[in-house]
Amino acid sequence: MSYAKLILALPVAGLLAACDNTGASYEPVIDGAVGPNYYADLSACQNLAASQGALDSNAGGKAAAGAGVAAATTAVFNNKGNNVRDAAAVGALAGLTASAIDQNTKKENIVKSCMRQRGYRVVG
C-alpha cells in the first residue's frame, strides 16, 4: 500500500471508531429491568463522558513516537528524504488515531462506571 493510500485510510479508520454506541454515546447493556429514570441517568453519564477531550494527554507523545518509529524504519530501509517525511506523517497520524481510540474506550468506561454508581447492573 502506498503512503498516500495509507494516509487516506487512517482518518477513515478513526471515523469508523467514532460510530454509534461508542465513546460518550455508548449505551451499556443492563441486566434487569430499567426504571423511569434510565434515560435521564444515561444522558447524565454520557454527558459526563463527553466532557472529556477527544484526545488524551498522551496524544502528542503517541504521535511523536509513531512519527519517529515510521521515519526511522523508512530511513533504515530506504534512504530517500521524501519517503522518510511521508512515513513520519503516516506514523504521526497512526499515533493520533490510536490516542483517539484509547480516549473513546475511556469514555465508554466512564459511562459504565457512572451507570453502576446510579444502581444499574452493567454487564457490557
PDB file of N, CA and C in Angstrom:
ATOM      1  N   MET A   1       0.854  -1.176   0.000  1.00  0.00           N
ATOM      2  CA  MET A   1       0.000   0.000   0.000  1.00  0.00           C
ATOM      3  C   MET A   1       0.896   1.234   0.000  1.00  0.00           C
ATOM      4  N   SER A   2       0.562   2.195  -0.846  1.00  0.00           N
ATOM      5  CA  SER A   2       1.371   3.417  -0.897  1.00  0.00           C
ATOM      6  C   SER A   2       1.082   4.289   0.314  1.00  0.00           C
ATOM      7  N   TYR A   3       2.019   5.208   0.609  1.00  0.00           N
ATOM      8  CA  TYR A   3       1.822   6.105   1.741  1.00  0.00           C
ATOM      9  C   TYR A   3       0.583   6.963   1.562  1.00  0.00           C
ATOM     10  N   ALA A   4       0.315   7.412   0.339  1.00  0.00           N
ATOM     11  CA  ALA A   4      -0.858   8.254   0.094  1.00  0.00           C
ATOM     12  C   ALA A   4      -2.134   7.513   0.455  1.00  0.00           C
ATOM     13  N   LYS A   5      -2.228   6.250   0.073  1.00  0.00           N
ATOM     14  CA  LYS A   5      -3.415   5.462   0.401  1.00  0.00           C
ATOM     15  C   LYS A   5      -3.518   5.250   1.904  1.00  0.00           C
ATOM     16  N   LEU A   6      -2.385   5.015   2.534  1.00  0.00           N
ATOM     17  CA  LEU A   6      -2.382   4.807   3.972  1.00  0.00           C
ATOM     18  C   LEU A   6      -2.796   6.075   4.706  1.00  0.00           C
ATOM     19  N   ILE A   7      -2.318   7.214   4.238  1.00  0.00           N
ATOM     20  CA  ILE A   7      -2.694   8.494   4.847  1.00  0.00           C
ATOM     21  C   ILE A   7      -4.201   8.700   4.747  1.00  0.00           C
ATOM     22  N   LEU A   8      -4.797   8.306   3.634  1.00  0.00           N
ATOM     23  CA  LEU A   8      -6.241   8.442   3.473  1.00  0.00           C
ATOM     24  C   LEU A   8      -7.001   7.415   4.308  1.00  0.00           C
ATOM     25  N   ALA A   9      -6.420   6.251   4.520  1.00  0.00           N
ATOM     26  CA  ALA A   9      -7.105   5.191   5.256  1.00  0.00           C
ATOM     27  C   ALA A   9      -7.165   5.457   6.754  1.00  0.00           C
ATOM     28  N   LEU A  10      -6.160   6.094   7.321  1.00  0.00           N
ATOM     29  CA  LEU A  10      -6.125   6.311   8.768  1.00  0.00           C
ATOM     30  C   LEU A  10      -7.267   7.186   9.273  1.00  0.00           C
ATOM     31  N   PRO A  11      -7.560   8.333   8.648  1.00  0.00           N
ATOM     32  CA  PRO A  11      -8.696   9.103   9.134  1.00  0.00           C
ATOM     33  C   PRO A  11     -10.017   8.349   9.004  1.00  0.00           C
ATOM     34  N   VAL A  12     -10.147   7.538   7.967  1.00  0.00           N
ATOM     35  CA  VAL A  12     -11.357   6.732   7.809  1.00  0.00           C
ATOM     36  C   VAL A  12     -11.471   5.750   8.961  1.00  0.00           C
ATOM     37  N   ALA A  13     -10.354   5.133   9.335  1.00  0.00           N
ATOM     38  CA  ALA A  13     -10.366   4.214  10.473  1.00  0.00           C
ATOM     39  C   ALA A  13     -10.756   4.949  11.749  1.00  0.00           C
ATOM     40  N   GLY A  14     -10.260   6.161  11.894  1.00  0.00           N
ATOM     41  CA  GLY A  14     -10.628   6.966  13.060  1.00  0.00           C
ATOM     42  C   GLY A  14     -12.102   7.307  13.078  1.00  0.00           C
ATOM     43  N   LEU A  15     -12.662   7.617  11.920  1.00  0.00           N
ATOM     44  CA  LEU A  15     -14.086   7.919  11.844  1.00  0.00           C
ATOM     45  C   LEU A  15     -14.927   6.690  12.152  1.00  0.00           C
ATOM     46  N   LEU A  16     -14.487   5.532  11.673  1.00  0.00           N
ATOM     47  CA  LEU A  16     -15.233   4.313  11.969  1.00  0.00           C
ATOM     48  C   LEU A  16     -15.235   4.026  13.461  1.00  0.00           C
ATOM     49  N   ALA A  17     -14.157   4.379  14.128  1.00  0.00           N
ATOM     50  CA  ALA A  17     -14.083   4.172  15.576  1.00  0.00           C
ATOM     51  C   ALA A  17     -15.046   5.092  16.320  1.00  0.00           C
ATOM     52  N   ALA A  18     -15.481   6.156  15.668  1.00  0.00           N
ATOM     53  CA  ALA A  18     -16.380   7.120  16.295  1.00  0.00           C
ATOM     54  C   ALA A  18     -17.840   6.837  15.971  1.00  0.00           C
ATOM     55  N   CYS A  19     -18.152   5.613  15.588  1.00  0.00           N
ATOM     56  CA  CYS A  19     -19.524   5.246  15.226  1.00  0.00           C
ATOM     57  C   CYS A  19     -20.434   5.258  16.452  1.00  0.00           C
ATOM     58  N   ASP A  20     -21.726   5.046  16.189  1.00  0.00           N
ATOM     59  CA  ASP A  20     -22.709   4.988  17.262  1.00  0.00           C
ATOM     60  C   ASP A  20     -22.346   3.926  18.292  1.00  0.00           C
ATOM     61  N   ASN A  21     -22.813   4.128  19.493  1.00  0.00           N
ATOM     62  CA  ASN A  21     -22.639   3.232  20.631  1.00  0.00           C
ATOM     63  C   ASN A  21     -21.173   3.017  20.987  1.00  0.00           C
ATOM     64  N   THR A  22     -20.382   4.042  20.812  1.00  0.00           N
ATOM     65  CA  THR A  22     -19.004   4.019  21.287  1.00  0.00           C
ATOM     66  C   THR A  22     -18.726   5.343  21.979  1.00  0.00           C
ATOM     67  N   GLY A  23     -17.667   5.364  22.739  1.00  0.00           N
ATOM     68  CA  GLY A  23     -17.274   6.609  23.395  1.00  0.00           C
ATOM     69  C   GLY A  23     -18.363   7.144  24.304  1.00  0.00           C
ATOM     70  N   ALA A  24     -18.563   8.444  24.249  1.00  0.00           N
ATOM     71  CA  ALA A  24     -19.557   9.087  25.106  1.00  0.00           C
ATOM     72  C   ALA A  24     -20.982   8.719  24.707  1.00  0.00           C
ATOM     73  N   SER A  25     -21.189   8.239  23.499  1.00  0.00           N
ATOM     74  CA  SER A  25     -22.523   7.827  23.043  1.00  0.00           C
ATOM     75  C   SER A  25     -22.862   6.402  23.443  1.00  0.00           C
ATOM     76  N   TYR A  26     -21.942   5.758  24.134  1.00  0.00           N
ATOM     77  CA  TYR A  26     -22.111   4.351  24.500  1.00  0.00           C
ATOM     78  C   TYR A  26     -23.344   4.155  25.372  1.00  0.00           C
ATOM     79  N   GLU A  27     -24.119   3.123  25.047  1.00  0.00           N
ATOM     80  CA  GLU A  27     -25.245   2.720  25.889  1.00  0.00           C
ATOM     81  C   GLU A  27     -24.956   1.308  26.374  1.00  0.00           C
ATOM     82  N   PRO A  28     -24.685   1.166  27.664  1.00  0.00           N
ATOM     83  CA  PRO A  28     -24.279  -0.143  28.180  1.00  0.00           C
ATOM     84  C   PRO A  28     -25.447  -1.135  28.208  1.00  0.00           C
ATOM     85  N   VAL A  29     -25.086  -2.416  28.249  1.00  0.00           N
ATOM     86  CA  VAL A  29     -26.073  -3.478  28.404  1.00  0.00           C
ATOM     87  C   VAL A  29     -26.371  -3.591  29.897  1.00  0.00           C
ATOM     88  N   ILE A  30     -27.644  -3.503  30.223  1.00  0.00           N
ATOM     89  CA  ILE A  30     -28.080  -3.542  31.620  1.00  0.00           C
ATOM     90  C   ILE A  30     -28.762  -4.878  31.889  1.00  0.00           C
ATOM     91  N   ASP A  31     -28.385  -5.525  32.986  1.00  0.00           N
ATOM     92  CA  ASP A  31     -29.020  -6.770  33.411  1.00  0.00           C
ATOM     93  C   ASP A  31     -30.216  -6.414  34.280  1.00  0.00           C
ATOM     94  N   GLY A  32     -31.389  -6.758  33.818  1.00  0.00           N
ATOM     95  CA  GLY A  32     -32.598  -6.488  34.575  1.00  0.00           C
ATOM     96  C   GLY A  32     -33.389  -5.338  33.986  1.00  0.00           C
ATOM     97  N   ALA A  33     -34.492  -5.076  34.638  1.00  0.00           N
ATOM     98  CA  ALA A  33     -35.391  -4.011  34.185  1.00  0.00           C
ATOM     99  C   ALA A  33     -34.789  -2.645  34.511  1.00  0.00           C
ATOM    100  N   VAL A  34     -35.128  -1.679  33.690  1.00  0.00           N
ATOM    101  CA  VAL A  34     -34.696  -0.310  33.947  1.00  0.00           C
ATOM    102  C   VAL A  34     -35.911   0.508  34.351  1.00  0.00           C
ATOM    103  N   GLY A  35     -35.687   1.452  35.233  1.00  0.00           N
ATOM    104  CA  GLY A  35     -36.776   2.271  35.732  1.00  0.00           C
ATOM    105  C   GLY A  35     -37.038   3.489  34.858  1.00  0.00           C
ATOM    106  N   PRO A  36     -37.951   4.323  35.317  1.00  0.00           N
ATOM    107  CA  PRO A  36     -38.327   5.505  34.535  1.00  0.00           C
ATOM    108  C   PRO A  36     -37.214   6.541  34.420  1.00  0.00           C
ATOM    109  N   ASN A  37     -36.233   6.490  35.302  1.00  0.00           N
ATOM    110  CA  ASN A  37     -35.131   7.459  35.255  1.00  0.00           C
ATOM    111  C   ASN A  37     -33.968   7.000  34.381  1.00  0.00           C
ATOM    112  N   TYR A  38     -34.088   5.841  33.741  1.00  0.00           N
ATOM    113  CA  TYR A  38     -32.967   5.265  32.997  1.00  0.00           C
ATOM    114  C   TYR A  38     -32.398   6.239  31.968  1.00  0.00           C
ATOM    115  N   TYR A  39     -33.243   6.805  31.132  1.00  0.00           N
ATOM    116  CA  TYR A  39     -32.720   7.659  30.056  1.00  0.00           C
ATOM    117  C   TYR A  39     -32.148   8.974  30.592  1.00  0.00           C
ATOM    118  N   ALA A  40     -32.686   9.477  31.682  1.00  0.00           N
ATOM    119  CA  ALA A  40     -32.103  10.675  32.299  1.00  0.00           C
ATOM    120  C   ALA A  40     -30.735  10.341  32.892  1.00  0.00           C
ATOM    121  N   ASP A  41     -30.650   9.185  33.553  1.00  0.00           N
ATOM    122  CA  ASP A  41     -29.363   8.744  34.109  1.00  0.00           C
ATOM    123  C   ASP A  41     -28.349   8.498  33.002  1.00  0.00           C
ATOM    124  N   LEU A  42     -28.781   7.822  31.941  1.00  0.00           N
ATOM    125  CA  LEU A  42     -27.886   7.540  30.818  1.00  0.00           C
ATOM    126  C   LEU A  42     -27.384   8.835  30.196  1.00  0.00           C
ATOM    127  N   SER A  43     -28.275   9.783  30.001  1.00  0.00           N
ATOM    128  CA  SER A  43     -27.891  11.066  29.409  1.00  0.00           C
ATOM    129  C   SER A  43     -26.875  11.796  30.290  1.00  0.00           C
ATOM    130  N   ALA A  44     -27.099  11.778  31.591  1.00  0.00           N
ATOM    131  CA  ALA A  44     -26.165  12.436  32.512  1.00  0.00           C
ATOM    132  C   ALA A  44     -24.790  11.770  32.458  1.00  0.00           C
ATOM    133  N   CYS A  45     -24.768  10.438  32.405  1.00  0.00           N
ATOM    134  CA  CYS A  45     -23.496   9.714  32.347  1.00  0.00           C
ATOM    135  C   CYS A  45     -22.792   9.941  31.012  1.00  0.00           C
ATOM    136  N   GLN A  46     -23.558   9.974  29.933  1.00  0.00           N
ATOM    137  CA  GLN A  46     -22.967  10.235  28.620  1.00  0.00           C
ATOM    138  C   GLN A  46     -22.409  11.655  28.552  1.00  0.00           C
ATOM    139  N   ASN A  47     -23.112  12.609  29.156  1.00  0.00           N
ATOM    140  CA  ASN A  47     -22.609  13.991  29.179  1.00  0.00           C
ATOM    141  C   ASN A  47     -21.320  14.098  29.991  1.00  0.00           C
ATOM    142  N   LEU A  48     -21.246  13.350  31.075  1.00  0.00           N
ATOM    143  CA  LEU A  48     -20.020  13.324  31.874  1.00  0.00           C
ATOM    144  C   LEU A  48     -18.862  12.797  31.028  1.00  0.00           C
ATOM    145  N   ALA A  49     -19.105  11.714  30.311  1.00  0.00           N
ATOM    146  CA  ALA A  49     -18.064  11.144  29.456  1.00  0.00           C
ATOM    147  C   ALA A  49     -17.696  12.096  28.326  1.00  0.00           C
ATOM    148  N   ALA A  50     -18.678  12.775  27.768  1.00  0.00           N
ATOM    149  CA  ALA A  50     -18.433  13.697  26.651  1.00  0.00           C
ATOM    150  C   ALA A  50     -17.609  14.901  27.090  1.00  0.00           C
ATOM    151  N   SER A  51     -17.623  15.205  28.382  1.00  0.00           N
ATOM    152  CA  SER A  51     -16.860  16.358  28.863  1.00  0.00           C
ATOM    153  C   SER A  51     -15.347  16.115  28.794  1.00  0.00           C
ATOM    154  N   GLN A  52     -14.954  14.855  28.584  1.00  0.00           N
ATOM    155  CA  GLN A  52     -13.539  14.534  28.407  1.00  0.00           C
ATOM    156  C   GLN A  52     -13.151  14.919  26.984  1.00  0.00           C
ATOM    157  N   GLY A  53     -11.925  15.261  26.759  1.00  0.00           N
ATOM    158  CA  GLY A  53     -11.468  15.684  25.438  1.00  0.00           C
ATOM    159  C   GLY A  53     -11.475  14.553  24.420  1.00  0.00           C
ATOM    160  N   ALA A  54     -11.318  14.921  23.153  1.00  0.00           N
ATOM    161  CA  ALA A  54     -11.259  13.928  22.080  1.00  0.00           C
ATOM    162  C   ALA A  54      -9.957  13.142  22.120  1.00  0.00           C
ATOM    163  N   LEU A  55      -8.904  13.780  22.613  1.00  0.00           N
ATOM    164  CA  LEU A  55      -7.604  13.127  22.723  1.00  0.00           C
ATOM    165  C   LEU A  55      -7.131  13.232  24.161  1.00  0.00           C
ATOM    166  N   ASP A  56      -6.436  12.209  24.627  1.00  0.00           N
ATOM    167  CA  ASP A  56      -5.934  12.263  25.993  1.00  0.00           C
ATOM    168  C   ASP A  56      -4.616  13.023  26.057  1.00  0.00           C
ATOM    169  N   SER A  57      -4.090  13.177  27.242  1.00  0.00           N
ATOM    170  CA  SER A  57      -2.864  13.965  27.430  1.00  0.00           C
ATOM    171  C   SER A  57      -1.639  13.302  26.806  1.00  0.00           C
ATOM    172  N   ASN A  58      -1.746  12.038  26.450  1.00  0.00           N
ATOM    173  CA  ASN A  58      -0.628  11.320  25.840  1.00  0.00           C
ATOM    174  C   ASN A  58      -0.640  11.388  24.321  1.00  0.00           C
ATOM    175  N   ALA A  59      -1.583  12.103  23.724  1.00  0.00           N
ATOM    176  CA  ALA A  59      -1.729  12.120  22.264  1.00  0.00           C
ATOM    177  C   ALA A  59      -0.468  12.619  21.571  1.00  0.00           C
ATOM    178  N   GLY A  60       0.124  13.676  22.078  1.00  0.00           N
ATOM    179  CA  GLY A  60       1.329  14.221  21.465  1.00  0.00           C
ATOM    180  C   GLY A  60       2.479  13.235  21.493  1.00  0.00           C
ATOM    181  N   GLY A  61       2.620  12.554  22.610  1.00  0.00           N
ATOM    182  CA  GLY A  61       3.679  11.553  22.726  1.00  0.00           C
ATOM    183  C   GLY A  61       3.468  10.383  21.787  1.00  0.00           C
ATOM    184  N   LYS A  62       2.209   9.953  21.646  1.00  0.00           N
ATOM    185  CA  LYS A  62       1.920   8.842  20.743  1.00  0.00           C
ATOM    186  C   LYS A  62       2.157   9.253  19.295  1.00  0.00           C
ATOM    187  N   ALA A  63       1.797  10.478  18.952  1.00  0.00           N
ATOM    188  CA  ALA A  63       2.035  10.968  17.590  1.00  0.00           C
ATOM    189  C   ALA A  63       3.530  11.051  17.316  1.00  0.00           C
ATOM    190  N   ALA A  64       4.283  11.579  18.283  1.00  0.00           N
ATOM    191  CA  ALA A  64       5.733  11.695  18.104  1.00  0.00           C
ATOM    192  C   ALA A  64       6.385  10.318  18.006  1.00  0.00           C
ATOM    193  N   ALA A  65       5.937   9.401  18.837  1.00  0.00           N
ATOM    194  CA  ALA A  65       6.503   8.047  18.793  1.00  0.00           C
ATOM    195  C   ALA A  65       6.196   7.379  17.461  1.00  0.00           C
ATOM    196  N   GLY A  66       4.958   7.518  17.001  1.00  0.00           N
ATOM    197  CA  GLY A  66       4.588   6.939  15.708  1.00  0.00           C
ATOM    198  C   GLY A  66       5.406   7.532  14.582  1.00  0.00           C
ATOM    199  N   ALA A  67       5.586   8.844  14.611  1.00  0.00           N
ATOM    200  CA  ALA A  67       6.376   9.518  13.571  1.00  0.00           C
ATOM    201  C   ALA A  67       7.826   9.060  13.614  1.00  0.00           C
ATOM    202  N   GLY A  68       8.383   8.972  14.809  1.00  0.00           N
ATOM    203  CA  GLY A  68       9.784   8.569  14.960  1.00  0.00           C
ATOM    204  C   GLY A  68      10.037   7.151  14.500  1.00  0.00           C
ATOM    205  N   VAL A  69       9.172   6.234  14.903  1.00  0.00           N
ATOM    206  CA  VAL A  69       9.346   4.835  14.512  1.00  0.00           C
ATOM    207  C   VAL A  69       9.211   4.683  13.002  1.00  0.00           C
ATOM    208  N   ALA A  70       8.192   5.303  12.435  1.00  0.00           N
ATOM    209  CA  ALA A  70       7.974   5.182  10.985  1.00  0.00           C
ATOM    210  C   ALA A  70       9.126   5.811  10.203  1.00  0.00           C
ATOM    211  N   ALA A  71       9.570   6.983  10.633  1.00  0.00           N
ATOM    212  CA  ALA A  71      10.671   7.653   9.926  1.00  0.00           C
ATOM    213  C   ALA A  71      11.967   6.866  10.049  1.00  0.00           C
ATOM    214  N   ALA A  72      12.250   6.366  11.238  1.00  0.00           N
ATOM    215  CA  ALA A  72      13.487   5.605  11.435  1.00  0.00           C
ATOM    216  C   ALA A  72      13.480   4.324  10.620  1.00  0.00           C
ATOM    217  N   THR A  73      12.356   3.637  10.616  1.00  0.00           N
ATOM    218  CA  THR A  73      12.255   2.400   9.839  1.00  0.00           C
ATOM    219  C   THR A  73      12.444   2.674   8.361  1.00  0.00           C
ATOM    220  N   THR A  74      11.819   3.737   7.879  1.00  0.00           N
ATOM    221  CA  THR A  74      11.954   4.089   6.466  1.00  0.00           C
ATOM    222  C   THR A  74      13.387   4.504   6.151  1.00  0.00           C
ATOM    223  N   ALA A  75      14.008   5.243   7.043  1.00  0.00           N
ATOM    224  CA  ALA A  75      15.391   5.681   6.814  1.00  0.00           C
ATOM    225  C   ALA A  75      16.346   4.502   6.742  1.00  0.00           C
ATOM    226  N   VAL A  76      16.106   3.484   7.556  1.00  0.00           N
ATOM    227  CA  VAL A  76      16.971   2.312   7.556  1.00  0.00           C
ATOM    228  C   VAL A  76      16.824   1.532   6.249  1.00  0.00           C
ATOM    229  N   PHE A  77      15.584   1.375   5.788  1.00  0.00           N
ATOM    230  CA  PHE A  77      15.343   0.529   4.623  1.00  0.00           C
ATOM    231  C   PHE A  77      15.296   1.284   3.297  1.00  0.00           C
ATOM    232  N   ASN A  78      15.151   2.609   3.364  1.00  0.00           N
ATOM    233  CA  ASN A  78      15.032   3.378   2.132  1.00  0.00           C
ATOM    234  C   ASN A  78      15.531   4.785   2.422  1.00  0.00           C
ATOM    235  N   ASN A  79      16.615   5.174   1.872  1.00  0.00           N
ATOM    236  CA  ASN A  79      17.302   6.416   2.221  1.00  0.00           C
ATOM    237  C   ASN A  79      16.749   7.672   1.549  1.00  0.00           C
ATOM    238  N   LYS A  80      15.582   7.658   0.990  1.00  0.00           N
ATOM    239  CA  LYS A  80      15.057   8.820   0.273  1.00  0.00           C
ATOM    240  C   LYS A  80      14.347   9.757   1.244  1.00  0.00           C
ATOM    241  N   GLY A  81      14.690  11.030   1.176  1.00  0.00           N
ATOM    242  CA  GLY A  81      14.147  12.026   2.106  1.00  0.00           C
ATOM    243  C   GLY A  81      12.642  12.153   2.081  1.00  0.00           C
ATOM    244  N   ASN A  82      12.039  12.150   0.896  1.00  0.00           N
ATOM    245  CA  ASN A  82      10.581  12.280   0.810  1.00  0.00           C
ATOM    246  C   ASN A  82       9.887  11.110   1.477  1.00  0.00           C
ATOM    247  N   ASN A  83      10.419   9.908   1.305  1.00  0.00           N
ATOM    248  CA  ASN A  83       9.806   8.743   1.918  1.00  0.00           C
ATOM    249  C   ASN A  83       9.872   8.813   3.440  1.00  0.00           C
ATOM    250  N   VAL A  84      10.974   9.323   3.969  1.00  0.00           N
ATOM    251  CA  VAL A  84      11.105   9.461   5.417  1.00  0.00           C
ATOM    252  C   VAL A  84      10.077  10.461   5.936  1.00  0.00           C
ATOM    253  N   ARG A  85       9.948  11.589   5.239  1.00  0.00           N
ATOM    254  CA  ARG A  85       8.968  12.605   5.642  1.00  0.00           C
ATOM    255  C   ARG A  85       7.555  12.040   5.588  1.00  0.00           C
ATOM    256  N   ASP A  86       7.217  11.352   4.501  1.00  0.00           N
ATOM    257  CA  ASP A  86       5.880  10.766   4.363  1.00  0.00           C
ATOM    258  C   ASP A  86       5.618   9.720   5.438  1.00  0.00           C
ATOM    259  N   ALA A  87       6.631   8.906   5.709  1.00  0.00           N
ATOM    260  CA  ALA A  87       6.478   7.878   6.742  1.00  0.00           C
ATOM    261  C   ALA A  87       6.264   8.511   8.106  1.00  0.00           C
ATOM    262  N   ALA A  88       6.964   9.598   8.389  1.00  0.00           N
ATOM    263  CA  ALA A  88       6.777  10.291   9.673  1.00  0.00           C
ATOM    264  C   ALA A  88       5.355  10.824   9.793  1.00  0.00           C
ATOM    265  N   ALA A  89       4.822  11.367   8.687  1.00  0.00           N
ATOM    266  CA  ALA A  89       3.447  11.879   8.710  1.00  0.00           C
ATOM    267  C   ALA A  89       2.451  10.755   8.952  1.00  0.00           C
ATOM    268  N   VAL A  90       2.647   9.637   8.284  1.00  0.00           N
ATOM    269  CA  VAL A  90       1.761   8.480   8.474  1.00  0.00           C
ATOM    270  C   VAL A  90       1.870   7.971   9.908  1.00  0.00           C
ATOM    271  N   GLY A  91       3.067   7.902  10.425  1.00  0.00           N
ATOM    272  CA  GLY A  91       3.261   7.445  11.801  1.00  0.00           C
ATOM    273  C   GLY A  91       2.591   8.363  12.814  1.00  0.00           C
ATOM    274  N   ALA A  92       2.691   9.674  12.583  1.00  0.00           N
ATOM    275  CA  ALA A  92       2.034  10.634  13.479  1.00  0.00           C
ATOM    276  C   ALA A  92       0.524  10.463  13.437  1.00  0.00           C
ATOM    277  N   LEU A  93      -0.029  10.282  12.243  1.00  0.00           N
ATOM    278  CA  LEU A  93      -1.476  10.052  12.130  1.00  0.00           C
ATOM    279  C   LEU A  93      -1.888   8.766  12.826  1.00  0.00           C
ATOM    280  N   ALA A  94      -1.067   7.740  12.705  1.00  0.00           N
ATOM    281  CA  ALA A  94      -1.365   6.478  13.380  1.00  0.00           C
ATOM    282  C   ALA A  94      -1.363   6.672  14.898  1.00  0.00           C
ATOM    283  N   GLY A  95      -0.403   7.438  15.403  1.00  0.00           N
ATOM    284  CA  GLY A  95      -0.353   7.710  16.838  1.00  0.00           C
ATOM    285  C   GLY A  95      -1.560   8.480  17.324  1.00  0.00           C
ATOM    286  N   LEU A  96      -1.980   9.471  16.558  1.00  0.00           N
ATOM    287  CA  LEU A  96      -3.165  10.248  16.936  1.00  0.00           C
ATOM    288  C   LEU A  96      -4.428   9.399  16.874  1.00  0.00           C
ATOM    289  N   THR A  97      -4.533   8.543  15.868  1.00  0.00           N
ATOM    290  CA  THR A  97      -5.691   7.660  15.757  1.00  0.00           C
ATOM    291  C   THR A  97      -5.738   6.703  16.944  1.00  0.00           C
ATOM    292  N   ALA A  98      -4.603   6.153  17.322  1.00  0.00           N
ATOM    293  CA  ALA A  98      -4.547   5.259  18.476  1.00  0.00           C
ATOM    294  C   ALA A  98      -4.964   5.990  19.749  1.00  0.00           C
ATOM    295  N   SER A  99      -4.552   7.233  19.889  1.00  0.00           N
ATOM    296  CA  SER A  99      -4.919   8.019  21.059  1.00  0.00           C
ATOM    297  C   SER A  99      -6.425   8.276  21.095  1.00  0.00           C
ATOM    298  N   ALA A 100      -7.005   8.580  19.936  1.00  0.00           N
ATOM    299  CA  ALA A 100      -8.447   8.826  19.870  1.00  0.00           C
ATOM    300  C   ALA A 100      -9.227   7.567  20.219  1.00  0.00           C
ATOM    301  N   ILE A 101      -8.763   6.420  19.761  1.00  0.00           N
ATOM    302  CA  ILE A 101      -9.441   5.161  20.076  1.00  0.00           C
ATOM    303  C   ILE A 101      -9.325   4.859  21.571  1.00  0.00           C
ATOM    304  N   ASP A 102      -8.156   5.105  22.158  1.00  0.00           N
ATOM    305  CA  ASP A 102      -7.979   4.919  23.605  1.00  0.00           C
ATOM    306  C   ASP A 102      -8.929   5.818  24.386  1.00  0.00           C
ATOM    307  N   GLN A 103      -9.041   7.063  23.961  1.00  0.00           N
ATOM    308  CA  GLN A 103      -9.914   8.011  24.656  1.00  0.00           C
ATOM    309  C   GLN A 103     -11.374   7.580  24.526  1.00  0.00           C
ATOM    310  N   ASN A 104     -11.741   7.015  23.375  1.00  0.00           N
ATOM    311  CA  ASN A 104     -13.089   6.517  23.172  1.00  0.00           C
ATOM    312  C   ASN A 104     -13.408   5.407  24.176  1.00  0.00           C
ATOM    313  N   THR A 105     -12.455   4.506  24.373  1.00  0.00           N
ATOM    314  CA  THR A 105     -12.628   3.416  25.329  1.00  0.00           C
ATOM    315  C   THR A 105     -12.764   3.958  26.748  1.00  0.00           C
ATOM    316  N   LYS A 106     -11.978   4.969  27.088  1.00  0.00           N
ATOM    317  CA  LYS A 106     -12.077   5.573  28.421  1.00  0.00           C
ATOM    318  C   LYS A 106     -13.462   6.180  28.635  1.00  0.00           C
ATOM    319  N   LYS A 107     -14.010   6.799  27.602  1.00  0.00           N
ATOM    320  CA  LYS A 107     -15.348   7.386  27.713  1.00  0.00           C
ATOM    321  C   LYS A 107     -16.406   6.311  27.940  1.00  0.00           C
ATOM    322  N   GLU A 108     -16.276   5.181  27.251  1.00  0.00           N
ATOM    323  CA  GLU A 108     -17.208   4.075  27.472  1.00  0.00           C
ATOM    324  C   GLU A 108     -17.127   3.608  28.926  1.00  0.00           C
ATOM    325  N   ASN A 109     -15.921   3.510  29.453  1.00  0.00           N
ATOM    326  CA  ASN A 109     -15.736   3.080  30.838  1.00  0.00           C
ATOM    327  C   ASN A 109     -16.329   4.083  31.822  1.00  0.00           C
ATOM    328  N   ILE A 110     -16.269   5.362  31.492  1.00  0.00           N
ATOM    329  CA  ILE A 110     -16.891   6.384  32.339  1.00  0.00           C
ATOM    330  C   ILE A 110     -18.400   6.183  32.368  1.00  0.00           C
ATOM    331  N   VAL A 111     -19.004   5.933  31.211  1.00  0.00           N
ATOM    332  CA  VAL A 111     -20.456   5.708  31.151  1.00  0.00           C
ATOM    333  C   VAL A 111     -20.820   4.483  31.980  1.00  0.00           C
ATOM    334  N   LYS A 112     -20.077   3.387  31.820  1.00  0.00           N
ATOM    335  CA  LYS A 112     -20.356   2.165  32.577  1.00  0.00           C
ATOM    336  C   LYS A 112     -20.259   2.409  34.079  1.00  0.00           C
ATOM    337  N   SER A 113     -19.180   3.040  34.503  1.00  0.00           N
ATOM    338  CA  SER A 113     -18.960   3.290  35.925  1.00  0.00           C
ATOM    339  C   SER A 113     -20.045   4.197  36.500  1.00  0.00           C
ATOM    340  N   CYS A 114     -20.371   5.234  35.768  1.00  0.00           N
ATOM    341  CA  CYS A 114     -21.400   6.175  36.210  1.00  0.00           C
ATOM    342  C   CYS A 114     -22.753   5.468  36.367  1.00  0.00           C
ATOM    343  N   MET A 115     -23.087   4.610  35.404  1.00  0.00           N
ATOM    344  CA  MET A 115     -24.367   3.892  35.482  1.00  0.00           C
ATOM    345  C   MET A 115     -24.363   2.908  36.652  1.00  0.00           C
ATOM    346  N   ARG A 116     -23.224   2.269  36.910  1.00  0.00           N
ATOM    347  CA  ARG A 116     -23.137   1.376  38.073  1.00  0.00           C
ATOM    348  C   ARG A 116     -23.351   2.153  39.366  1.00  0.00           C
ATOM    349  N   GLN A 117     -22.750   3.347  39.429  1.00  0.00           N
ATOM    350  CA  GLN A 117     -22.896   4.165  40.631  1.00  0.00           C
ATOM    351  C   GLN A 117     -24.334   4.632  40.824  1.00  0.00           C
ATOM    352  N   ARG A 118     -25.105   4.625  39.775  1.00  0.00           N
ATOM    353  CA  ARG A 118     -26.512   5.007  39.873  1.00  0.00           C
ATOM    354  C   ARG A 118     -27.412   3.798  40.117  1.00  0.00           C
ATOM    355  N   GLY A 119     -26.795   2.652  40.338  1.00  0.00           N
ATOM    356  CA  GLY A 119     -27.541   1.467  40.757  1.00  0.00           C
ATOM    357  C   GLY A 119     -27.893   0.479  39.658  1.00  0.00           C
ATOM    358  N   TYR A 120     -27.399   0.645  38.466  1.00  0.00           N
ATOM    359  CA  TYR A 120     -27.683  -0.267  37.368  1.00  0.00           C
ATOM    360  C   TYR A 120     -26.659  -1.406  37.363  1.00  0.00           C
ATOM    361  N   ARG A 121     -27.116  -2.598  37.004  1.00  0.00           N
ATOM    362  CA  ARG A 121     -26.210  -3.744  36.880  1.00  0.00           C
ATOM    363  C   ARG A 121     -25.711  -3.789  35.441  1.00  0.00           C
ATOM    364  N   VAL A 122     -24.586  -3.151  35.208  1.00  0.00           N
ATOM    365  CA  VAL A 122     -23.999  -3.066  33.877  1.00  0.00           C
ATOM    366  C   VAL A 122     -23.217  -4.343  33.604  1.00  0.00           C
ATOM    367  N   VAL A 123     -23.546  -4.998  32.502  1.00  0.00           N
ATOM    368  CA  VAL A 123     -22.850  -6.242  32.147  1.00  0.00           C
ATOM    369  C   VAL A 123     -22.035  -6.080  30.857  1.00  0.00           C
ATOM    370  N   GLY A 124     -22.154  -5.008  30.210  1.00  0.00           N
ATOM    371  CA  GLY A 124     -21.369  -4.815  28.980  1.00  0.00           C
ATOM    372  C   GLY A 124     -21.605  -3.494  28.345  1.00  0.00           C
TER     373      GLY A 124
END
